């Protein structure tokens, strides 16, 4: 799922999305295009989740979190009885991959750095959501320093990202 409020103007997320679409074996779900009114069809979203073994949440890292529609989507779709609680085992065993883009360099995201915390620490709510829902949390795919990424680097990141989404690469890391 791509949760970017303005995907067409995003150089990084637009390219990453185009690469996984080009490969053709991944369902790309554009959250902001699907729900411009923010009225989420919970049954439709839950059916999409049931139909896939690997769930990817791709988004720009805004204020140490996701864009607001992704948060709303999780609040509504990961409901009691579906994703957790009694009968809430529909996501058990599925993989959760987080893919973010960020303006900051990796060195800014560490103890003593500008942001004081690592990407991993700041993404803990997603990791804990995976734990609560029985999903397998995978290391995040991060493209940092987005304003400094060359076209050549972006092509490499897009290929690495598509490999990661497809399960061809077990490791990821911060890019840029």
C-alpha atoms as a PDB file:
ATOM      1  CA  UNK A   1       0.000   0.000   0.000  1.00  0.00           C
ATOM      2  CA  UNK A   2       1.279   3.414  -0.958  1.00  0.00           C
ATOM      3  CA  UNK A   3       0.175   6.134   1.444  1.00  0.00           C
ATOM      4  CA  UNK A   4       1.483   9.363  -0.017  1.00  0.00           C
ATOM      5  CA  UNK A   5      -0.816  12.399  -0.011  1.00  0.00           C
ATOM      6  CA  UNK A   6       0.674  13.686  -3.285  1.00  0.00           C
ATOM      7  CA  UNK A   7       2.376  10.782  -5.013  1.00  0.00           C
ATOM      8  CA  UNK A   8       2.651  12.518  -8.387  1.00  0.00           C
ATOM      9  CA  UNK A   9       4.985  15.186  -6.980  1.00  0.00           C
ATOM     10  CA  UNK A  10       7.115  12.734  -5.019  1.00  0.00           C
ATOM     11  CA  UNK A  11      10.262  11.794  -6.882  1.00  0.00           C
ATOM     12  CA  UNK A  12      11.266   8.962  -4.519  1.00  0.00           C
ATOM     13  CA  UNK A  13       7.925   7.309  -3.722  1.00  0.00           C
ATOM     14  CA  UNK A  14       6.689   7.724  -7.286  1.00  0.00           C
ATOM     15  CA  UNK A  15       9.764   5.899  -8.624  1.00  0.00           C
ATOM     16  CA  UNK A  16       9.619   3.122  -6.010  1.00  0.00           C
ATOM     17  CA  UNK A  17       5.946   2.595  -6.816  1.00  0.00           C
ATOM     18  CA  UNK A  18       6.586   2.574 -10.559  1.00  0.00           C
ATOM     19  CA  UNK A  19       9.250  -0.108 -10.156  1.00  0.00           C
ATOM     20  CA  UNK A  20       7.047  -2.523  -8.229  1.00  0.00           C
ATOM     21  CA  UNK A  21       4.226  -1.908 -10.716  1.00  0.00           C
ATOM     22  CA  UNK A  22       6.590  -2.516 -13.639  1.00  0.00           C
ATOM     23  CA  UNK A  23       7.477  -5.931 -12.280  1.00  0.00           C
ATOM     24  CA  UNK A  24       3.794  -6.795 -12.309  1.00  0.00           C
ATOM     25  CA  UNK A  25       3.499  -9.373  -9.531  1.00  0.00           C
ATOM     26  CA  UNK A  26       2.614  -7.001  -6.695  1.00  0.00           C
ATOM     27  CA  UNK A  27      -0.750  -5.410  -5.941  1.00  0.00           C
ATOM     28  CA  UNK A  28      -0.233  -1.666  -5.621  1.00  0.00           C
ATOM     29  CA  UNK A  29      -2.945   0.018  -3.600  1.00  0.00           C
ATOM     30  CA  UNK A  30      -2.819   3.834  -3.537  1.00  0.00           C
ATOM     31  CA  UNK A  31      -4.574   4.834  -0.352  1.00  0.00           C
ATOM     32  CA  UNK A  32      -4.985   8.562  -1.050  1.00  0.00           C
ATOM     33  CA  UNK A  33      -6.266   7.937  -4.587  1.00  0.00           C
ATOM     34  CA  UNK A  34      -8.688   5.265  -3.383  1.00  0.00           C
ATOM     35  CA  UNK A  35     -10.057   7.351  -0.511  1.00  0.00           C
ATOM     36  CA  UNK A  36      -9.818  11.058  -1.364  1.00  0.00           C
ATOM     37  CA  UNK A  37     -12.782  11.618   0.971  1.00  0.00           C
ATOM     38  CA  UNK A  38     -11.103   9.516   3.697  1.00  0.00           C
ATOM     39  CA  UNK A  39     -14.165   7.252   3.934  1.00  0.00           C
ATOM     40  CA  UNK A  40     -12.500   3.863   4.153  1.00  0.00           C
ATOM     41  CA  UNK A  41     -14.294   0.745   2.932  1.00  0.00           C
ATOM     42  CA  UNK A  42     -13.273  -1.517   5.813  1.00  0.00           C
ATOM     43  CA  UNK A  43     -14.619  -4.742   4.295  1.00  0.00           C
ATOM     44  CA  UNK A  44     -12.760  -4.087   1.022  1.00  0.00           C
ATOM     45  CA  UNK A  45      -9.522  -3.334   2.849  1.00  0.00           C
ATOM     46  CA  UNK A  46      -9.797  -6.404   5.042  1.00  0.00           C
ATOM     47  CA  UNK A  47     -10.422  -8.561   1.952  1.00  0.00           C
ATOM     48  CA  UNK A  48      -7.240  -7.140   0.369  1.00  0.00           C
ATOM     49  CA  UNK A  49      -5.278  -7.972   3.506  1.00  0.00           C
ATOM     50  CA  UNK A  50      -6.637 -11.519   3.597  1.00  0.00           C
ATOM     51  CA  UNK A  51      -5.647 -12.018  -0.050  1.00  0.00           C
ATOM     52  CA  UNK A  52      -1.949 -11.221   0.491  1.00  0.00           C
ATOM     53  CA  UNK A  53       0.801 -12.831   2.548  1.00  0.00           C
ATOM     54  CA  UNK A  54       3.097  -9.794   2.540  1.00  0.00           C
ATOM     55  CA  UNK A  55       1.754  -6.367   3.468  1.00  0.00           C
ATOM     56  CA  UNK A  56       3.896  -3.360   2.571  1.00  0.00           C
ATOM     57  CA  UNK A  57       3.208   0.091   3.951  1.00  0.00           C
ATOM     58  CA  UNK A  58       5.110   2.641   1.865  1.00  0.00           C
ATOM     59  CA  UNK A  59       4.969   6.284   2.932  1.00  0.00           C
ATOM     60  CA  UNK A  60       6.927   9.477   3.515  1.00  0.00           C
ATOM     61  CA  UNK A  61       8.065   9.742   7.121  1.00  0.00           C
ATOM     62  CA  UNK A  62       6.166  12.825   8.393  1.00  0.00           C
ATOM     63  CA  UNK A  63       6.848  14.117  11.889  1.00  0.00           C
ATOM     64  CA  UNK A  64       8.173  10.733  13.025  1.00  0.00           C
ATOM     65  CA  UNK A  65       5.115   8.887  11.796  1.00  0.00           C
ATOM     66  CA  UNK A  66       2.939   8.106   8.800  1.00  0.00           C
ATOM     67  CA  UNK A  67       0.611  10.416   6.889  1.00  0.00           C
ATOM     68  CA  UNK A  68      -2.727  10.794   8.661  1.00  0.00           C
ATOM     69  CA  UNK A  69      -4.787   8.653   6.274  1.00  0.00           C
ATOM     70  CA  UNK A  70      -2.566   5.628   6.897  1.00  0.00           C
ATOM     71  CA  UNK A  71      -3.046   6.028  10.653  1.00  0.00           C
ATOM     72  CA  UNK A  72      -6.817   6.299  10.156  1.00  0.00           C
ATOM     73  CA  UNK A  73      -6.713   3.245   7.886  1.00  0.00           C
ATOM     74  CA  UNK A  74      -4.931   1.199  10.558  1.00  0.00           C
ATOM     75  CA  UNK A  75      -7.319   2.417  13.277  1.00  0.00           C
ATOM     76  CA  UNK A  76     -10.343   1.324  11.277  1.00  0.00           C
ATOM     77  CA  UNK A  77      -9.135  -1.746   9.367  1.00  0.00           C
ATOM     78  CA  UNK A  78      -7.147  -3.459  12.151  1.00  0.00           C
ATOM     79  CA  UNK A  79     -10.289  -3.699  14.230  1.00  0.00           C
ATOM     80  CA  UNK A  80     -11.032  -5.956  17.171  1.00  0.00           C
ATOM     81  CA  UNK A  81     -12.212  -9.350  15.957  1.00  0.00           C
ATOM     82  CA  UNK A  82     -10.328  -9.016  12.677  1.00  0.00           C
ATOM     83  CA  UNK A  83      -6.741  -8.162  13.523  1.00  0.00           C
ATOM     84  CA  UNK A  84      -6.655  -8.780  17.275  1.00  0.00           C
ATOM     85  CA  UNK A  85      -8.729  -9.948  20.202  1.00  0.00           C
ATOM     86  CA  UNK A  86     -11.194 -12.827  20.141  1.00  0.00           C
ATOM     87  CA  UNK A  87     -11.397 -14.110  16.560  1.00  0.00           C
ATOM     88  CA  UNK A  88      -8.888 -11.484  15.461  1.00  0.00           C
ATOM     89  CA  UNK A  89      -6.411 -13.783  13.799  1.00  0.00           C
ATOM     90  CA  UNK A  90      -6.826 -12.767  10.146  1.00  0.00           C
ATOM     91  CA  UNK A  91      -3.333 -11.266   9.886  1.00  0.00           C
ATOM     92  CA  UNK A  92      -1.475 -13.999  11.775  1.00  0.00           C
ATOM     93  CA  UNK A  93       1.634 -15.132   9.935  1.00  0.00           C
ATOM     94  CA  UNK A  94       1.538 -12.403   7.293  1.00  0.00           C
ATOM     95  CA  UNK A  95       4.667 -10.311   6.818  1.00  0.00           C
ATOM     96  CA  UNK A  96       4.662  -6.567   7.464  1.00  0.00           C
ATOM     97  CA  UNK A  97       7.218  -4.448   5.623  1.00  0.00           C
ATOM     98  CA  UNK A  98       7.567  -0.728   6.204  1.00  0.00           C
ATOM     99  CA  UNK A  99       9.121   1.421   3.471  1.00  0.00           C
ATOM    100  CA  UNK A 100       9.757   5.069   4.239  1.00  0.00           C
ATOM    101  CA  UNK A 101      11.361   8.072   2.622  1.00  0.00           C
ATOM    102  CA  UNK A 102      12.963  10.757   4.738  1.00  0.00           C
ATOM    103  CA  UNK A 103      14.788  14.010   4.245  1.00  0.00           C
ATOM    104  CA  UNK A 104      17.342  13.246   6.942  1.00  0.00           C
ATOM    105  CA  UNK A 105      20.525  11.249   6.740  1.00  0.00           C
ATOM    106  CA  UNK A 106      20.825   8.061   8.780  1.00  0.00           C
ATOM    107  CA  UNK A 107      23.376   9.780  11.046  1.00  0.00           C
ATOM    108  CA  UNK A 108      20.647  12.236  12.100  1.00  0.00           C
ATOM    109  CA  UNK A 109      18.523   9.332  13.320  1.00  0.00           C
ATOM    110  CA  UNK A 110      20.534   7.990  16.237  1.00  0.00           C
ATOM    111  CA  UNK A 111      21.243   8.745  19.879  1.00  0.00           C
ATOM    112  CA  UNK A 112      22.956  12.111  19.974  1.00  0.00           C
ATOM    113  CA  UNK A 113      21.931  12.889  16.399  1.00  0.00           C
ATOM    114  CA  UNK A 114      19.604  15.677  15.365  1.00  0.00           C
ATOM    115  CA  UNK A 115      16.480  13.505  15.830  1.00  0.00           C
ATOM    116  CA  UNK A 116      17.850  11.565  18.863  1.00  0.00           C
ATOM    117  CA  UNK A 117      16.289   8.232  17.890  1.00  0.00           C
ATOM    118  CA  UNK A 118      16.893   5.664  15.163  1.00  0.00           C
ATOM    119  CA  UNK A 119      14.378   4.914  12.457  1.00  0.00           C
ATOM    120  CA  UNK A 120      13.874   1.543  14.116  1.00  0.00           C
ATOM    121  CA  UNK A 121      12.979   3.191  17.411  1.00  0.00           C
ATOM    122  CA  UNK A 122      10.631   5.691  15.794  1.00  0.00           C
ATOM    123  CA  UNK A 123       8.866   2.918  13.863  1.00  0.00           C
ATOM    124  CA  UNK A 124       8.151   0.883  17.039  1.00  0.00           C
ATOM    125  CA  UNK A 125       4.375   1.501  16.856  1.00  0.00           C
ATOM    126  CA  UNK A 126       4.327  -0.360  13.525  1.00  0.00           C
ATOM    127  CA  UNK A 127       6.434  -3.161  14.971  1.00  0.00           C
ATOM    128  CA  UNK A 128       4.149  -3.448  17.979  1.00  0.00           C
ATOM    129  CA  UNK A 129       1.084  -3.418  15.713  1.00  0.00           C
ATOM    130  CA  UNK A 130       2.637  -6.363  13.876  1.00  0.00           C
ATOM    131  CA  UNK A 131       3.245  -8.123  17.190  1.00  0.00           C
ATOM    132  CA  UNK A 132      -0.317  -7.536  18.381  1.00  0.00           C
ATOM    133  CA  UNK A 133      -1.812  -8.794  15.129  1.00  0.00           C
ATOM    134  CA  UNK A 134       0.462 -11.843  14.824  1.00  0.00           C
ATOM    135  CA  UNK A 135       2.291 -10.484  11.794  1.00  0.00           C
ATOM    136  CA  UNK A 136       5.996 -10.990  11.136  1.00  0.00           C
ATOM    137  CA  UNK A 137       7.722  -7.608  11.207  1.00  0.00           C
ATOM    138  CA  UNK A 138      10.563  -7.195   8.744  1.00  0.00           C
ATOM    139  CA  UNK A 139      13.307  -4.555   8.959  1.00  0.00           C
ATOM    140  CA  UNK A 140      12.221  -1.274   7.385  1.00  0.00           C
ATOM    141  CA  UNK A 141      13.354  -0.146   3.955  1.00  0.00           C
ATOM    142  CA  UNK A 142      14.473   3.465   4.301  1.00  0.00           C
ATOM    143  CA  UNK A 143      15.497   5.960   1.667  1.00  0.00           C
ATOM    144  CA  UNK A 144      17.022   8.930   3.456  1.00  0.00           C
ATOM    145  CA  UNK A 145      18.468  12.222   2.290  1.00  0.00           C
ATOM    146  CA  UNK A 146      15.841  12.284  -0.436  1.00  0.00           C
ATOM    147  CA  UNK A 147      16.853  15.714  -1.756  1.00  0.00           C
ATOM    148  CA  UNK A 148      20.379  14.447  -2.429  1.00  0.00           C
ATOM    149  CA  UNK A 149      19.576  11.148  -4.155  1.00  0.00           C
ATOM    150  CA  UNK A 150      20.969  11.099  -7.691  1.00  0.00           C
ATOM    151  CA  UNK A 151      19.006   9.590 -10.558  1.00  0.00           C
ATOM    152  CA  UNK A 152      21.490   6.716 -10.657  1.00  0.00           C
ATOM    153  CA  UNK A 153      21.107   6.050  -6.921  1.00  0.00           C
ATOM    154  CA  UNK A 154      17.333   6.196  -7.228  1.00  0.00           C
ATOM    155  CA  UNK A 155      17.356   3.513  -9.911  1.00  0.00           C
ATOM    156  CA  UNK A 156      19.419   1.266  -7.614  1.00  0.00           C
ATOM    157  CA  UNK A 157      17.106   1.953  -4.666  1.00  0.00           C
ATOM    158  CA  UNK A 158      14.045   1.184  -6.795  1.00  0.00           C
ATOM    159  CA  UNK A 159      15.511  -2.169  -7.873  1.00  0.00           C
ATOM    160  CA  UNK A 160      16.524  -3.004  -4.289  1.00  0.00           C
ATOM    161  CA  UNK A 161      13.079  -2.032  -3.050  1.00  0.00           C
ATOM    162  CA  UNK A 162      11.263  -4.171  -5.605  1.00  0.00           C
ATOM    163  CA  UNK A 163      13.516  -7.129  -4.728  1.00  0.00           C
ATOM    164  CA  UNK A 164      12.744  -6.600  -1.053  1.00  0.00           C
ATOM    165  CA  UNK A 165       8.989  -6.357  -1.627  1.00  0.00           C
ATOM    166  CA  UNK A 166       9.074  -9.494  -3.767  1.00  0.00           C
ATOM    167  CA  UNK A 167      11.000 -11.372  -1.079  1.00  0.00           C
ATOM    168  CA  UNK A 168      14.122 -11.745  -3.201  1.00  0.00           C
ATOM    169  CA  UNK A 169      16.218  -9.879  -0.667  1.00  0.00           C
ATOM    170  CA  UNK A 170      16.079 -10.773   3.011  1.00  0.00           C
ATOM    171  CA  UNK A 171      17.964  -7.704   4.081  1.00  0.00           C
ATOM    172  CA  UNK A 172      17.359  -4.038   3.705  1.00  0.00           C
ATOM    173  CA  UNK A 173      18.824  -1.004   5.212  1.00  0.00           C
ATOM    174  CA  UNK A 174      18.895   2.695   5.110  1.00  0.00           C
ATOM    175  CA  UNK A 175      19.681   4.087   1.712  1.00  0.00           C
ATOM    176  CA  UNK A 176      21.233   7.513   1.446  1.00  0.00           C
END
